[in-house]
Amino acid sequence: MKVHNFAGHPSLVSQYLAEMRDVNIQGDRLRFRRNLERLGEIFAYELSKHLDYKTVAVTTPLGVEAECQVLAEPMVLATIFRAGVPFHQGFLRYFDNAENAFVSAYRKYKEKENFDICIEYLASPSLEGKTLVLVDPMLATGASMELSYRALLTKGKPGKLHVASVIASKKAVDYLESVLPEDAELWVGVIDDQINAHSYIVPGLGDAGDLAYGTKE
């Protein structure tokens, strides 16, 4: 699995990540969601450089044909509810012709620090032979991402897989390398070294879903 880590080259990704991590700023839900969207837009642009294109002839208002490069591969954007929605929207603003898929994956706690990942909802077009871009802001253990990918495989085998997360733990990156296809590509804003006893990324930023949409019972 090839890993693209934006932290290796400081950019606006670094700026938006700083705002999302900052406890004094992240309480502004609108700003938090917008930063997720903006990161999705940047990720989408960078990812677009690694896709296949074809040449088409486009007629201009001058009646002259111009050779243009357009995406050659059908694409499906998939996200994990609920924190992934604004991140997904950023991707969709750039890949506006993509089909879309949605997965509900959540932690079902059996004890305080012991939980299973549950998949309850899946809506997806056929993925057969298409490029699948699976996005979720936080990649803590990799379990939700893996199970979501397995669920999506019931809709067909994609031709190529890209996974995108704003913050990932080193443990999750290593785990995904062992369970995803060898030619998959992972896009991350930064890789943090640790997760705590509750499987939250450290230093991380907290619960992205709660920060985007409010706490849940």
N, C-alpha and C. Protein backbone atom coordinates (compact mmCIF):
# COMPACT_ATOMS: atom_id res chain seq x y z
N MET A 1 0.85 -1.20 0.00
CA MET A 1 0.00 0.00 0.00
C MET A 1 0.88 1.24 0.00
N LYS A 2 0.60 2.15 -0.91
CA LYS A 2 1.36 3.39 -0.97
C LYS A 2 0.70 4.42 -0.07
N VAL A 3 1.51 5.10 0.75
CA VAL A 3 1.00 6.09 1.70
C VAL A 3 1.44 7.49 1.27
N HIS A 4 0.46 8.40 1.13
CA HIS A 4 0.73 9.80 0.82
C HIS A 4 0.46 10.61 2.09
N ASN A 5 1.50 11.11 2.73
CA ASN A 5 1.38 11.83 3.99
C ASN A 5 1.64 13.32 3.75
N PHE A 6 0.57 14.13 3.85
CA PHE A 6 0.70 15.56 3.59
C PHE A 6 1.62 16.25 4.59
N ALA A 7 1.80 15.66 5.77
CA ALA A 7 2.64 16.29 6.79
C ALA A 7 4.10 16.39 6.36
N GLY A 8 4.49 15.63 5.35
CA GLY A 8 5.87 15.67 4.88
C GLY A 8 6.23 16.98 4.20
N HIS A 9 5.22 17.72 3.75
CA HIS A 9 5.44 19.00 3.07
C HIS A 9 4.40 19.99 3.58
N PRO A 10 4.77 20.89 4.51
CA PRO A 10 3.80 21.84 5.07
C PRO A 10 3.04 22.60 3.99
N SER A 11 1.73 22.73 4.20
CA SER A 11 0.85 23.38 3.22
C SER A 11 -0.38 23.87 3.97
N LEU A 12 -1.40 24.28 3.23
CA LEU A 12 -2.65 24.68 3.88
C LEU A 12 -3.28 23.53 4.66
N VAL A 13 -2.95 22.30 4.29
CA VAL A 13 -3.43 21.16 5.08
C VAL A 13 -2.96 21.32 6.52
N SER A 14 -1.73 21.74 6.71
CA SER A 14 -1.18 21.94 8.05
C SER A 14 -1.95 23.01 8.80
N GLN A 15 -2.31 24.10 8.11
CA GLN A 15 -3.06 25.19 8.73
C GLN A 15 -4.43 24.72 9.20
N TYR A 16 -5.16 24.04 8.33
CA TYR A 16 -6.50 23.59 8.69
C TYR A 16 -6.46 22.54 9.80
N LEU A 17 -5.44 21.67 9.76
CA LEU A 17 -5.29 20.67 10.82
C LEU A 17 -5.03 21.33 12.17
N ALA A 18 -4.23 22.38 12.17
CA ALA A 18 -3.95 23.09 13.42
C ALA A 18 -5.24 23.65 14.02
N GLU A 19 -6.09 24.21 13.17
CA GLU A 19 -7.37 24.76 13.65
C GLU A 19 -8.29 23.66 14.16
N MET A 20 -8.28 22.52 13.49
CA MET A 20 -9.16 21.42 13.90
C MET A 20 -8.69 20.77 15.20
N ARG A 21 -7.40 20.79 15.47
CA ARG A 21 -6.87 20.22 16.70
C ARG A 21 -7.05 21.16 17.90
N ASP A 22 -7.05 22.46 17.65
CA ASP A 22 -7.02 23.47 18.71
C ASP A 22 -8.32 23.48 19.50
N VAL A 23 -8.24 23.15 20.80
CA VAL A 23 -9.42 23.08 21.64
C VAL A 23 -10.13 24.43 21.74
N ASN A 24 -9.39 25.52 21.51
CA ASN A 24 -9.99 26.86 21.60
C ASN A 24 -10.69 27.28 20.31
N ILE A 25 -10.50 26.51 19.23
CA ILE A 25 -11.11 26.83 17.95
C ILE A 25 -12.14 25.79 17.53
N GLN A 26 -11.88 24.53 17.84
CA GLN A 26 -12.70 23.45 17.29
C GLN A 26 -14.12 23.43 17.81
N GLY A 27 -14.41 24.20 18.85
CA GLY A 27 -15.79 24.27 19.33
C GLY A 27 -16.74 24.97 18.39
N ASP A 28 -16.21 25.66 17.40
CA ASP A 28 -17.02 26.29 16.35
C ASP A 28 -17.35 25.21 15.32
N ARG A 29 -18.54 24.64 15.43
CA ARG A 29 -18.89 23.50 14.56
C ARG A 29 -18.88 23.86 13.09
N LEU A 30 -19.36 25.05 12.76
CA LEU A 30 -19.38 25.45 11.36
C LEU A 30 -17.97 25.50 10.79
N ARG A 31 -17.06 26.07 11.55
CA ARG A 31 -15.67 26.15 11.10
C ARG A 31 -15.05 24.76 11.00
N PHE A 32 -15.36 23.89 11.98
CA PHE A 32 -14.83 22.54 11.96
C PHE A 32 -15.29 21.80 10.71
N ARG A 33 -16.59 21.88 10.41
CA ARG A 33 -17.12 21.21 9.22
C ARG A 33 -16.51 21.79 7.95
N ARG A 34 -16.38 23.11 7.92
CA ARG A 34 -15.82 23.73 6.72
C ARG A 34 -14.36 23.33 6.51
N ASN A 35 -13.61 23.20 7.61
CA ASN A 35 -12.24 22.74 7.47
C ASN A 35 -12.16 21.31 6.96
N LEU A 36 -13.10 20.47 7.40
CA LEU A 36 -13.16 19.11 6.84
C LEU A 36 -13.44 19.16 5.34
N GLU A 37 -14.36 20.03 4.94
CA GLU A 37 -14.68 20.17 3.52
C GLU A 37 -13.47 20.65 2.73
N ARG A 38 -12.77 21.65 3.26
CA ARG A 38 -11.62 22.19 2.55
C ARG A 38 -10.50 21.16 2.42
N LEU A 39 -10.32 20.36 3.46
CA LEU A 39 -9.33 19.29 3.36
C LEU A 39 -9.74 18.26 2.32
N GLY A 40 -11.05 17.96 2.25
CA GLY A 40 -11.52 17.05 1.20
C GLY A 40 -11.23 17.58 -0.19
N GLU A 41 -11.38 18.90 -0.37
CA GLU A 41 -11.10 19.51 -1.67
C GLU A 41 -9.62 19.40 -2.03
N ILE A 42 -8.75 19.68 -1.05
CA ILE A 42 -7.31 19.59 -1.31
C ILE A 42 -6.90 18.15 -1.59
N PHE A 43 -7.40 17.22 -0.78
CA PHE A 43 -7.09 15.81 -1.00
C PHE A 43 -7.53 15.37 -2.39
N ALA A 44 -8.74 15.80 -2.78
CA ALA A 44 -9.28 15.40 -4.08
C ALA A 44 -8.39 15.89 -5.22
N TYR A 45 -7.94 17.14 -5.11
CA TYR A 45 -7.07 17.68 -6.17
C TYR A 45 -5.76 16.89 -6.27
N GLU A 46 -5.14 16.62 -5.12
CA GLU A 46 -3.87 15.89 -5.14
C GLU A 46 -4.08 14.46 -5.63
N LEU A 47 -5.16 13.83 -5.21
CA LEU A 47 -5.46 12.48 -5.65
C LEU A 47 -5.71 12.43 -7.15
N SER A 48 -6.29 13.51 -7.69
CA SER A 48 -6.62 13.54 -9.12
C SER A 48 -5.39 13.38 -10.01
N LYS A 49 -4.22 13.72 -9.47
CA LYS A 49 -2.99 13.60 -10.25
C LYS A 49 -2.57 12.15 -10.42
N HIS A 50 -3.21 11.24 -9.70
CA HIS A 50 -2.84 9.83 -9.73
C HIS A 50 -3.90 8.97 -10.40
N LEU A 51 -4.81 9.60 -11.14
CA LEU A 51 -5.86 8.88 -11.85
C LEU A 51 -5.54 8.82 -13.34
N ASP A 52 -6.29 8.01 -14.06
CA ASP A 52 -6.09 7.87 -15.51
C ASP A 52 -6.97 8.86 -16.26
N TYR A 53 -6.43 9.37 -17.37
CA TYR A 53 -7.15 10.35 -18.18
C TYR A 53 -7.16 9.90 -19.64
N LYS A 54 -8.11 10.45 -20.38
CA LYS A 54 -8.19 10.19 -21.81
C LYS A 54 -8.33 11.52 -22.55
N THR A 55 -7.97 11.52 -23.82
CA THR A 55 -8.05 12.72 -24.64
C THR A 55 -9.38 12.77 -25.37
N VAL A 56 -10.06 13.90 -25.29
CA VAL A 56 -11.31 14.10 -26.03
C VAL A 56 -11.23 15.41 -26.79
N ALA A 57 -12.00 15.50 -27.87
CA ALA A 57 -12.05 16.72 -28.66
C ALA A 57 -13.26 17.55 -28.21
N VAL A 58 -13.01 18.79 -27.86
CA VAL A 58 -14.06 19.70 -27.42
C VAL A 58 -14.14 20.88 -28.38
N THR A 59 -15.35 21.16 -28.86
CA THR A 59 -15.54 22.28 -29.78
C THR A 59 -15.74 23.57 -29.00
N THR A 60 -14.92 24.56 -29.28
CA THR A 60 -15.00 25.85 -28.60
C THR A 60 -15.99 26.77 -29.34
N PRO A 61 -16.35 27.93 -28.75
CA PRO A 61 -17.25 28.87 -29.42
C PRO A 61 -16.71 29.39 -30.75
N LEU A 62 -15.41 29.23 -30.99
CA LEU A 62 -14.82 29.67 -32.26
C LEU A 62 -14.95 28.61 -33.35
N GLY A 63 -15.63 27.51 -33.01
CA GLY A 63 -15.83 26.45 -33.99
C GLY A 63 -14.59 25.61 -34.21
N VAL A 64 -13.66 25.67 -33.30
CA VAL A 64 -12.40 24.93 -33.41
C VAL A 64 -12.35 23.86 -32.33
N GLU A 65 -11.83 22.70 -32.68
CA GLU A 65 -11.72 21.63 -31.70
C GLU A 65 -10.43 21.77 -30.90
N ALA A 66 -10.55 21.57 -29.60
CA ALA A 66 -9.39 21.57 -28.71
C ALA A 66 -9.28 20.20 -28.06
N GLU A 67 -8.07 19.68 -28.03
CA GLU A 67 -7.86 18.40 -27.36
C GLU A 67 -7.75 18.63 -25.86
N CYS A 68 -8.57 17.93 -25.09
CA CYS A 68 -8.62 18.10 -23.64
C CYS A 68 -8.47 16.75 -22.94
N GLN A 69 -7.94 16.81 -21.74
CA GLN A 69 -7.78 15.61 -20.92
C GLN A 69 -8.90 15.54 -19.89
N VAL A 70 -9.62 14.43 -19.89
CA VAL A 70 -10.71 14.23 -18.91
C VAL A 70 -10.51 12.87 -18.25
N LEU A 71 -11.13 12.71 -17.08
CA LEU A 71 -11.01 11.45 -16.36
C LEU A 71 -11.50 10.29 -17.21
N ALA A 72 -10.73 9.22 -17.20
CA ALA A 72 -11.06 8.06 -18.03
C ALA A 72 -11.76 6.97 -17.25
N GLU A 73 -11.79 7.08 -15.92
CA GLU A 73 -12.29 5.98 -15.11
C GLU A 73 -13.53 6.38 -14.32
N PRO A 74 -14.55 5.53 -14.30
CA PRO A 74 -15.72 5.82 -13.45
C PRO A 74 -15.32 5.74 -11.99
N MET A 75 -15.87 6.65 -11.18
CA MET A 75 -15.44 6.77 -9.79
C MET A 75 -16.63 6.70 -8.85
N VAL A 76 -16.41 6.09 -7.69
CA VAL A 76 -17.40 6.07 -6.62
C VAL A 76 -16.75 6.64 -5.37
N LEU A 77 -17.37 7.68 -4.79
CA LEU A 77 -16.94 8.24 -3.52
C LEU A 77 -17.75 7.60 -2.41
N ALA A 78 -17.08 7.04 -1.43
CA ALA A 78 -17.77 6.38 -0.32
C ALA A 78 -17.32 7.00 1.00
N THR A 79 -18.25 7.10 1.94
CA THR A 79 -17.89 7.63 3.25
C THR A 79 -18.58 6.86 4.36
N ILE A 80 -18.03 7.02 5.57
CA ILE A 80 -18.56 6.36 6.76
C ILE A 80 -19.29 7.41 7.59
N PHE A 81 -20.57 7.15 7.88
CA PHE A 81 -21.34 8.07 8.73
C PHE A 81 -20.74 8.10 10.13
N ARG A 82 -20.79 9.25 10.86
CA ARG A 82 -21.38 10.49 10.41
C ARG A 82 -20.31 11.55 10.16
N ALA A 83 -19.15 11.37 10.81
CA ALA A 83 -18.08 12.36 10.70
C ALA A 83 -17.57 12.51 9.28
N GLY A 84 -17.74 11.47 8.46
CA GLY A 84 -17.19 11.52 7.12
C GLY A 84 -17.95 12.40 6.15
N VAL A 85 -19.16 12.83 6.51
CA VAL A 85 -20.01 13.54 5.54
C VAL A 85 -19.39 14.84 5.03
N PRO A 86 -18.92 15.78 5.89
CA PRO A 86 -18.34 17.00 5.34
C PRO A 86 -17.04 16.75 4.58
N PHE A 87 -16.23 15.79 5.02
CA PHE A 87 -15.01 15.43 4.30
C PHE A 87 -15.36 14.91 2.91
N HIS A 88 -16.37 14.06 2.86
CA HIS A 88 -16.90 13.52 1.61
C HIS A 88 -17.38 14.65 0.68
N GLN A 89 -18.06 15.63 1.25
CA GLN A 89 -18.59 16.74 0.46
C GLN A 89 -17.48 17.51 -0.23
N GLY A 90 -16.34 17.66 0.45
CA GLY A 90 -15.19 18.31 -0.18
C GLY A 90 -14.72 17.56 -1.41
N PHE A 91 -14.64 16.24 -1.31
CA PHE A 91 -14.27 15.42 -2.47
C PHE A 91 -15.29 15.57 -3.59
N LEU A 92 -16.57 15.59 -3.22
CA LEU A 92 -17.64 15.62 -4.21
C LEU A 92 -17.64 16.95 -4.98
N ARG A 93 -17.21 18.03 -4.36
CA ARG A 93 -17.14 19.31 -5.06
C ARG A 93 -16.16 19.26 -6.23
N TYR A 94 -15.15 18.43 -6.11
CA TYR A 94 -14.17 18.31 -7.20
C TYR A 94 -14.51 17.16 -8.13
N PHE A 95 -14.89 16.02 -7.58
CA PHE A 95 -15.29 14.88 -8.41
C PHE A 95 -16.82 14.88 -8.50
N ASP A 96 -17.35 15.93 -9.13
CA ASP A 96 -18.80 16.16 -9.09
C ASP A 96 -19.59 15.17 -9.92
N ASN A 97 -18.95 14.42 -10.80
CA ASN A 97 -19.66 13.42 -11.60
C ASN A 97 -19.59 12.02 -10.99
N ALA A 98 -18.95 11.90 -9.84
CA ALA A 98 -18.78 10.59 -9.22
C ALA A 98 -20.11 10.06 -8.67
N GLU A 99 -20.23 8.74 -8.66
CA GLU A 99 -21.32 8.11 -7.92
C GLU A 99 -20.94 8.10 -6.44
N ASN A 100 -21.91 7.83 -5.59
CA ASN A 100 -21.67 7.93 -4.16
C ASN A 100 -22.16 6.70 -3.41
N ALA A 101 -21.45 6.38 -2.33
CA ALA A 101 -21.82 5.26 -1.46
C ALA A 101 -21.69 5.71 -0.01
N PHE A 102 -22.53 5.13 0.86
CA PHE A 102 -22.54 5.51 2.26
C PHE A 102 -22.63 4.26 3.13
N VAL A 103 -21.82 4.25 4.20
CA VAL A 103 -21.77 3.12 5.12
C VAL A 103 -21.94 3.65 6.53
N SER A 104 -22.74 2.95 7.33
CA SER A 104 -22.86 3.28 8.74
C SER A 104 -22.02 2.29 9.54
N ALA A 105 -20.95 2.79 10.15
CA ALA A 105 -20.10 1.95 10.99
C ALA A 105 -19.92 2.66 12.32
N TYR A 106 -20.15 1.94 13.43
CA TYR A 106 -20.02 2.59 14.72
C TYR A 106 -19.47 1.60 15.75
N ARG A 107 -18.97 2.18 16.85
CA ARG A 107 -18.46 1.37 17.95
C ARG A 107 -19.61 0.96 18.88
N LYS A 108 -19.78 -0.33 19.09
CA LYS A 108 -20.76 -0.83 20.05
C LYS A 108 -19.99 -1.34 21.25
N TYR A 109 -20.06 -0.59 22.34
CA TYR A 109 -19.27 -0.90 23.52
C TYR A 109 -19.89 -2.04 24.33
N LYS A 110 -19.04 -3.02 24.65
CA LYS A 110 -19.44 -4.11 25.54
C LYS A 110 -19.02 -3.80 26.97
N GLU A 111 -17.88 -3.14 27.08
CA GLU A 111 -17.38 -2.65 28.35
C GLU A 111 -16.77 -1.27 28.08
N LYS A 112 -16.25 -0.64 29.11
CA LYS A 112 -15.77 0.74 28.99
C LYS A 112 -14.73 0.90 27.88
N GLU A 113 -13.82 -0.05 27.76
CA GLU A 113 -12.74 0.06 26.77
C GLU A 113 -12.76 -1.10 25.79
N ASN A 114 -13.91 -1.78 25.70
CA ASN A 114 -14.01 -2.95 24.84
C ASN A 114 -15.23 -2.79 23.93
N PHE A 115 -15.00 -2.81 22.62
CA PHE A 115 -16.10 -2.58 21.70
C PHE A 115 -15.93 -3.39 20.43
N ASP A 116 -17.06 -3.58 19.73
CA ASP A 116 -17.07 -4.16 18.39
C ASP A 116 -17.45 -3.07 17.40
N ILE A 117 -17.03 -3.23 16.15
CA ILE A 117 -17.45 -2.33 15.09
C ILE A 117 -18.66 -2.94 14.41
N CYS A 118 -19.74 -2.19 14.34
CA CYS A 118 -20.98 -2.68 13.75
C CYS A 118 -21.30 -1.93 12.46
N ILE A 119 -21.70 -2.67 11.43
CA ILE A 119 -22.17 -2.10 10.17
C ILE A 119 -23.68 -2.29 10.13
N GLU A 120 -24.44 -1.19 10.02
CA GLU A 120 -25.90 -1.30 10.03
C GLU A 120 -26.55 -0.84 8.73
N TYR A 121 -25.83 -0.06 7.92
CA TYR A 121 -26.46 0.52 6.74
C TYR A 121 -25.44 0.62 5.62
N LEU A 122 -25.88 0.28 4.41
CA LEU A 122 -25.02 0.39 3.24
C LEU A 122 -25.86 0.77 2.04
N ALA A 123 -25.48 1.83 1.37
CA ALA A 123 -26.12 2.25 0.12
C ALA A 123 -25.01 2.51 -0.88
N SER A 124 -24.99 1.75 -1.97
CA SER A 124 -23.88 1.88 -2.91
C SER A 124 -24.30 1.43 -4.31
N PRO A 125 -23.77 2.09 -5.34
CA PRO A 125 -23.94 1.57 -6.70
C PRO A 125 -23.01 0.38 -6.90
N SER A 126 -23.04 -0.22 -8.06
CA SER A 126 -22.07 -1.26 -8.39
C SER A 126 -20.66 -0.66 -8.37
N LEU A 127 -19.73 -1.41 -7.80
CA LEU A 127 -18.34 -0.96 -7.74
C LEU A 127 -17.46 -1.70 -8.74
N GLU A 128 -18.03 -2.61 -9.46
CA GLU A 128 -17.24 -3.50 -10.32
C GLU A 128 -16.38 -2.71 -11.31
N GLY A 129 -15.06 -2.86 -11.16
CA GLY A 129 -14.11 -2.26 -12.08
C GLY A 129 -13.92 -0.76 -11.92
N LYS A 130 -14.60 -0.14 -10.98
CA LYS A 130 -14.53 1.32 -10.82
C LYS A 130 -13.44 1.71 -9.81
N THR A 131 -13.10 2.98 -9.80
CA THR A 131 -12.18 3.50 -8.80
C THR A 131 -12.98 3.88 -7.56
N LEU A 132 -12.65 3.27 -6.43
CA LEU A 132 -13.34 3.54 -5.17
C LEU A 132 -12.46 4.44 -4.30
N VAL A 133 -13.03 5.57 -3.88
CA VAL A 133 -12.36 6.47 -2.94
C VAL A 133 -13.16 6.43 -1.64
N LEU A 134 -12.58 5.82 -0.61
CA LEU A 134 -13.26 5.62 0.67
C LEU A 134 -12.68 6.59 1.70
N VAL A 135 -13.52 7.49 2.23
CA VAL A 135 -13.01 8.55 3.08
C VAL A 135 -13.65 8.52 4.47
N ASP A 136 -12.84 8.85 5.48
CA ASP A 136 -13.29 8.99 6.86
C ASP A 136 -12.24 9.82 7.58
N PRO A 137 -12.63 10.87 8.32
CA PRO A 137 -11.63 11.77 8.87
C PRO A 137 -10.61 11.13 9.80
N MET A 138 -11.06 10.19 10.66
CA MET A 138 -10.19 9.63 11.68
C MET A 138 -9.93 8.15 11.44
N LEU A 139 -8.67 7.78 11.45
CA LEU A 139 -8.27 6.39 11.24
C LEU A 139 -7.50 5.95 12.48
N ALA A 140 -8.24 5.45 13.47
CA ALA A 140 -7.64 5.15 14.78
C ALA A 140 -7.03 3.75 14.81
N THR A 141 -7.87 2.72 14.61
CA THR A 141 -7.36 1.35 14.62
C THR A 141 -7.35 0.74 13.22
N GLY A 142 -8.17 1.30 12.32
CA GLY A 142 -8.30 0.75 10.98
C GLY A 142 -9.44 -0.24 10.85
N ALA A 143 -10.05 -0.63 11.98
CA ALA A 143 -11.10 -1.66 11.96
C ALA A 143 -12.34 -1.18 11.22
N SER A 144 -12.80 0.05 11.48
CA SER A 144 -13.99 0.56 10.79
C SER A 144 -13.76 0.67 9.30
N MET A 145 -12.56 1.11 8.91
CA MET A 145 -12.25 1.25 7.50
C MET A 145 -12.23 -0.11 6.81
N GLU A 146 -11.62 -1.09 7.46
CA GLU A 146 -11.57 -2.43 6.87
C GLU A 146 -12.96 -3.02 6.72
N LEU A 147 -13.78 -2.97 7.77
CA LEU A 147 -15.11 -3.56 7.72
C LEU A 147 -16.00 -2.84 6.71
N SER A 148 -15.84 -1.53 6.60
CA SER A 148 -16.61 -0.76 5.61
C SER A 148 -16.22 -1.18 4.21
N TYR A 149 -14.94 -1.36 3.99
CA TYR A 149 -14.46 -1.82 2.68
C TYR A 149 -14.99 -3.22 2.38
N ARG A 150 -14.98 -4.10 3.35
CA ARG A 150 -15.51 -5.46 3.14
C ARG A 150 -17.00 -5.41 2.81
N ALA A 151 -17.73 -4.53 3.49
CA ALA A 151 -19.16 -4.40 3.21
C ALA A 151 -19.38 -3.90 1.78
N LEU A 152 -18.57 -2.95 1.36
CA LEU A 152 -18.70 -2.40 0.02
C LEU A 152 -18.38 -3.43 -1.06
N LEU A 153 -17.53 -4.39 -0.74
CA LEU A 153 -17.18 -5.42 -1.72
C LEU A 153 -18.38 -6.26 -2.12
N THR A 154 -19.45 -6.24 -1.33
CA THR A 154 -20.67 -6.96 -1.72
C THR A 154 -21.31 -6.32 -2.94
N LYS A 155 -20.88 -5.11 -3.30
CA LYS A 155 -21.40 -4.40 -4.48
C LYS A 155 -20.47 -4.51 -5.68
N GLY A 156 -19.46 -5.37 -5.57
CA GLY A 156 -18.55 -5.57 -6.69
C GLY A 156 -17.12 -5.23 -6.31
N LYS A 157 -16.17 -5.74 -7.08
CA LYS A 157 -14.75 -5.51 -6.81
C LYS A 157 -14.28 -4.28 -7.57
N PRO A 158 -13.82 -3.24 -6.86
CA PRO A 158 -13.34 -2.04 -7.56
C PRO A 158 -12.03 -2.31 -8.29
N GLY A 159 -11.79 -1.54 -9.35
CA GLY A 159 -10.54 -1.68 -10.08
C GLY A 159 -9.36 -1.11 -9.32
N LYS A 160 -9.63 -0.08 -8.51
CA LYS A 160 -8.57 0.57 -7.73
C LYS A 160 -9.19 1.14 -6.46
N LEU A 161 -8.42 1.14 -5.38
CA LEU A 161 -8.89 1.64 -4.09
C LEU A 161 -8.00 2.76 -3.59
N HIS A 162 -8.62 3.90 -3.25
CA HIS A 162 -7.94 4.99 -2.54
C HIS A 162 -8.67 5.18 -1.21
N VAL A 163 -7.93 5.31 -0.13
CA VAL A 163 -8.48 5.57 1.20
C VAL A 163 -7.93 6.91 1.66
N ALA A 164 -8.80 7.75 2.25
CA ALA A 164 -8.37 9.07 2.69
C ALA A 164 -8.83 9.35 4.11
N SER A 165 -7.92 9.83 4.94
CA SER A 165 -8.23 10.22 6.32
C SER A 165 -7.45 11.48 6.67
N VAL A 166 -8.06 12.31 7.51
CA VAL A 166 -7.40 13.54 7.93
C VAL A 166 -6.27 13.22 8.91
N ILE A 167 -6.56 12.41 9.93
CA ILE A 167 -5.55 12.00 10.90
C ILE A 167 -5.60 10.48 11.04
N ALA A 168 -4.45 9.84 10.99
CA ALA A 168 -4.34 8.39 11.17
C ALA A 168 -3.34 8.09 12.27
N SER A 169 -3.51 6.97 12.92
CA SER A 169 -2.50 6.50 13.86
C SER A 169 -1.53 5.58 13.11
N LYS A 170 -0.32 5.49 13.64
CA LYS A 170 0.66 4.59 13.03
C LYS A 170 0.14 3.15 13.06
N LYS A 171 -0.53 2.79 14.15
CA LYS A 171 -1.08 1.44 14.28
C LYS A 171 -2.07 1.15 13.16
N ALA A 172 -2.96 2.11 12.86
CA ALA A 172 -3.97 1.91 11.82
C ALA A 172 -3.34 1.79 10.44
N VAL A 173 -2.33 2.61 10.17
CA VAL A 173 -1.65 2.54 8.88
C VAL A 173 -1.02 1.16 8.69
N ASP A 174 -0.33 0.69 9.72
CA ASP A 174 0.28 -0.64 9.64
C ASP A 174 -0.78 -1.72 9.44
N TYR A 175 -1.91 -1.57 10.13
CA TYR A 175 -2.98 -2.57 10.02
C TYR A 175 -3.57 -2.60 8.62
N LEU A 176 -3.85 -1.43 8.05
CA LEU A 176 -4.43 -1.39 6.71
C LEU A 176 -3.47 -1.94 5.67
N GLU A 177 -2.19 -1.74 5.89
CA GLU A 177 -1.21 -2.32 4.96
C GLU A 177 -1.30 -3.84 4.91
N SER A 178 -1.78 -4.43 6.00
CA SER A 178 -1.85 -5.89 6.08
C SER A 178 -3.18 -6.46 5.56
N VAL A 179 -4.21 -5.61 5.43
CA VAL A 179 -5.53 -6.14 5.08
C VAL A 179 -6.11 -5.59 3.77
N LEU A 180 -5.58 -4.49 3.27
CA LEU A 180 -6.10 -3.92 2.02
C LEU A 180 -5.27 -4.41 0.84
N PRO A 181 -5.80 -4.29 -0.39
CA PRO A 181 -5.03 -4.71 -1.56
C PRO A 181 -3.67 -4.02 -1.64
N GLU A 182 -2.68 -4.72 -2.17
CA GLU A 182 -1.32 -4.19 -2.23
C GLU A 182 -1.24 -2.89 -3.04
N ASP A 183 -2.10 -2.74 -4.05
CA ASP A 183 -2.03 -1.55 -4.89
C ASP A 183 -2.92 -0.42 -4.38
N ALA A 184 -3.52 -0.57 -3.19
CA ALA A 184 -4.32 0.50 -2.60
C ALA A 184 -3.41 1.68 -2.25
N GLU A 185 -4.01 2.87 -2.22
CA GLU A 185 -3.26 4.07 -1.84
C GLU A 185 -3.97 4.77 -0.69
N LEU A 186 -3.19 5.18 0.31
CA LEU A 186 -3.71 5.85 1.49
C LEU A 186 -3.26 7.30 1.50
N TRP A 187 -4.22 8.22 1.70
CA TRP A 187 -3.95 9.65 1.74
C TRP A 187 -4.27 10.15 3.14
N VAL A 188 -3.28 10.74 3.82
CA VAL A 188 -3.49 11.21 5.19
C VAL A 188 -2.91 12.61 5.36
N GLY A 189 -3.59 13.40 6.23
CA GLY A 189 -3.07 14.72 6.53
C GLY A 189 -1.87 14.65 7.45
N VAL A 190 -1.91 13.70 8.41
CA VAL A 190 -0.82 13.51 9.35
C VAL A 190 -0.98 12.14 9.99
N ILE A 191 0.13 11.54 10.41
CA ILE A 191 0.11 10.26 11.11
C ILE A 191 0.61 10.50 12.54
N ASP A 192 -0.27 10.26 13.52
CA ASP A 192 0.10 10.39 14.93
C ASP A 192 0.60 9.03 15.44
N ASP A 193 1.48 9.09 16.43
CA ASP A 193 2.17 7.87 16.87
C ASP A 193 1.33 6.95 17.74
N GLN A 194 0.37 7.49 18.50
CA GLN A 194 -0.25 6.69 19.54
C GLN A 194 -1.78 6.67 19.45
N ILE A 195 -2.37 5.65 20.10
CA ILE A 195 -3.80 5.67 20.44
C ILE A 195 -3.88 5.34 21.92
N ASN A 196 -4.92 5.86 22.59
CA ASN A 196 -5.02 5.63 24.03
C ASN A 196 -5.85 4.38 24.34
N ALA A 197 -6.15 4.18 25.62
CA ALA A 197 -6.87 2.97 26.04
C ALA A 197 -8.28 2.90 25.47
N HIS A 198 -8.83 4.06 25.07
CA HIS A 198 -10.16 4.10 24.48
C HIS A 198 -10.11 4.03 22.95
N SER A 199 -8.93 3.78 22.40
CA SER A 199 -8.70 3.71 20.95
C SER A 199 -8.97 5.04 20.26
N TYR A 200 -8.65 6.14 20.93
CA TYR A 200 -8.65 7.45 20.32
C TYR A 200 -7.22 7.84 19.97
N ILE A 201 -7.06 8.51 18.84
CA ILE A 201 -5.74 8.92 18.39
C ILE A 201 -5.19 10.00 19.31
N VAL A 202 -3.89 9.89 19.64
CA VAL A 202 -3.21 10.87 20.49
C VAL A 202 -2.00 11.42 19.72
N PRO A 203 -1.87 12.76 19.56
CA PRO A 203 -2.72 13.80 20.14
C PRO A 203 -4.09 13.95 19.47
N GLY A 204 -4.24 13.54 18.23
CA GLY A 204 -5.56 13.53 17.58
C GLY A 204 -6.27 14.86 17.65
N LEU A 205 -7.62 14.79 17.77
CA LEU A 205 -8.42 16.01 17.91
C LEU A 205 -9.72 15.78 18.67
N GLY A 206 -9.92 14.55 19.13
CA GLY A 206 -11.17 14.23 19.81
C GLY A 206 -12.10 13.46 18.89
N ASP A 207 -13.40 13.55 19.16
CA ASP A 207 -14.42 12.86 18.37
C ASP A 207 -14.87 13.76 17.23
N ALA A 208 -14.47 13.44 16.01
CA ALA A 208 -14.78 14.30 14.86
C ALA A 208 -16.27 14.41 14.61
N GLY A 209 -17.02 13.32 14.85
CA GLY A 209 -18.46 13.37 14.66
C GLY A 209 -19.13 14.33 15.62
N ASP A 210 -18.73 14.29 16.89
CA ASP A 210 -19.29 15.20 17.89
C ASP A 210 -18.92 16.64 17.59
N LEU A 211 -17.67 16.87 17.15
CA LEU A 211 -17.22 18.22 16.85
C LEU A 211 -17.94 18.80 15.63
N ALA A 212 -18.32 17.94 14.70
CA ALA A 212 -19.02 18.40 13.50
C ALA A 212 -20.51 18.59 13.72
N TYR A 213 -21.12 17.71 14.54
CA TYR A 213 -22.58 17.69 14.61
C TYR A 213 -23.17 17.73 16.02
N GLY A 214 -22.32 17.76 17.05
CA GLY A 214 -22.83 17.76 18.42
C GLY A 214 -22.75 16.39 19.04
N THR A 215 -22.81 16.35 20.36
CA THR A 215 -22.68 15.08 21.07
C THR A 215 -23.92 14.21 20.88
N LYS A 216 -23.76 12.94 21.13
CA LYS A 216 -24.85 11.97 20.96
C LYS A 216 -25.04 11.20 22.25
N GLU A 217 -26.25 10.70 22.43
CA GLU A 217 -26.56 9.89 23.62
C GLU A 217 -26.08 8.46 23.43
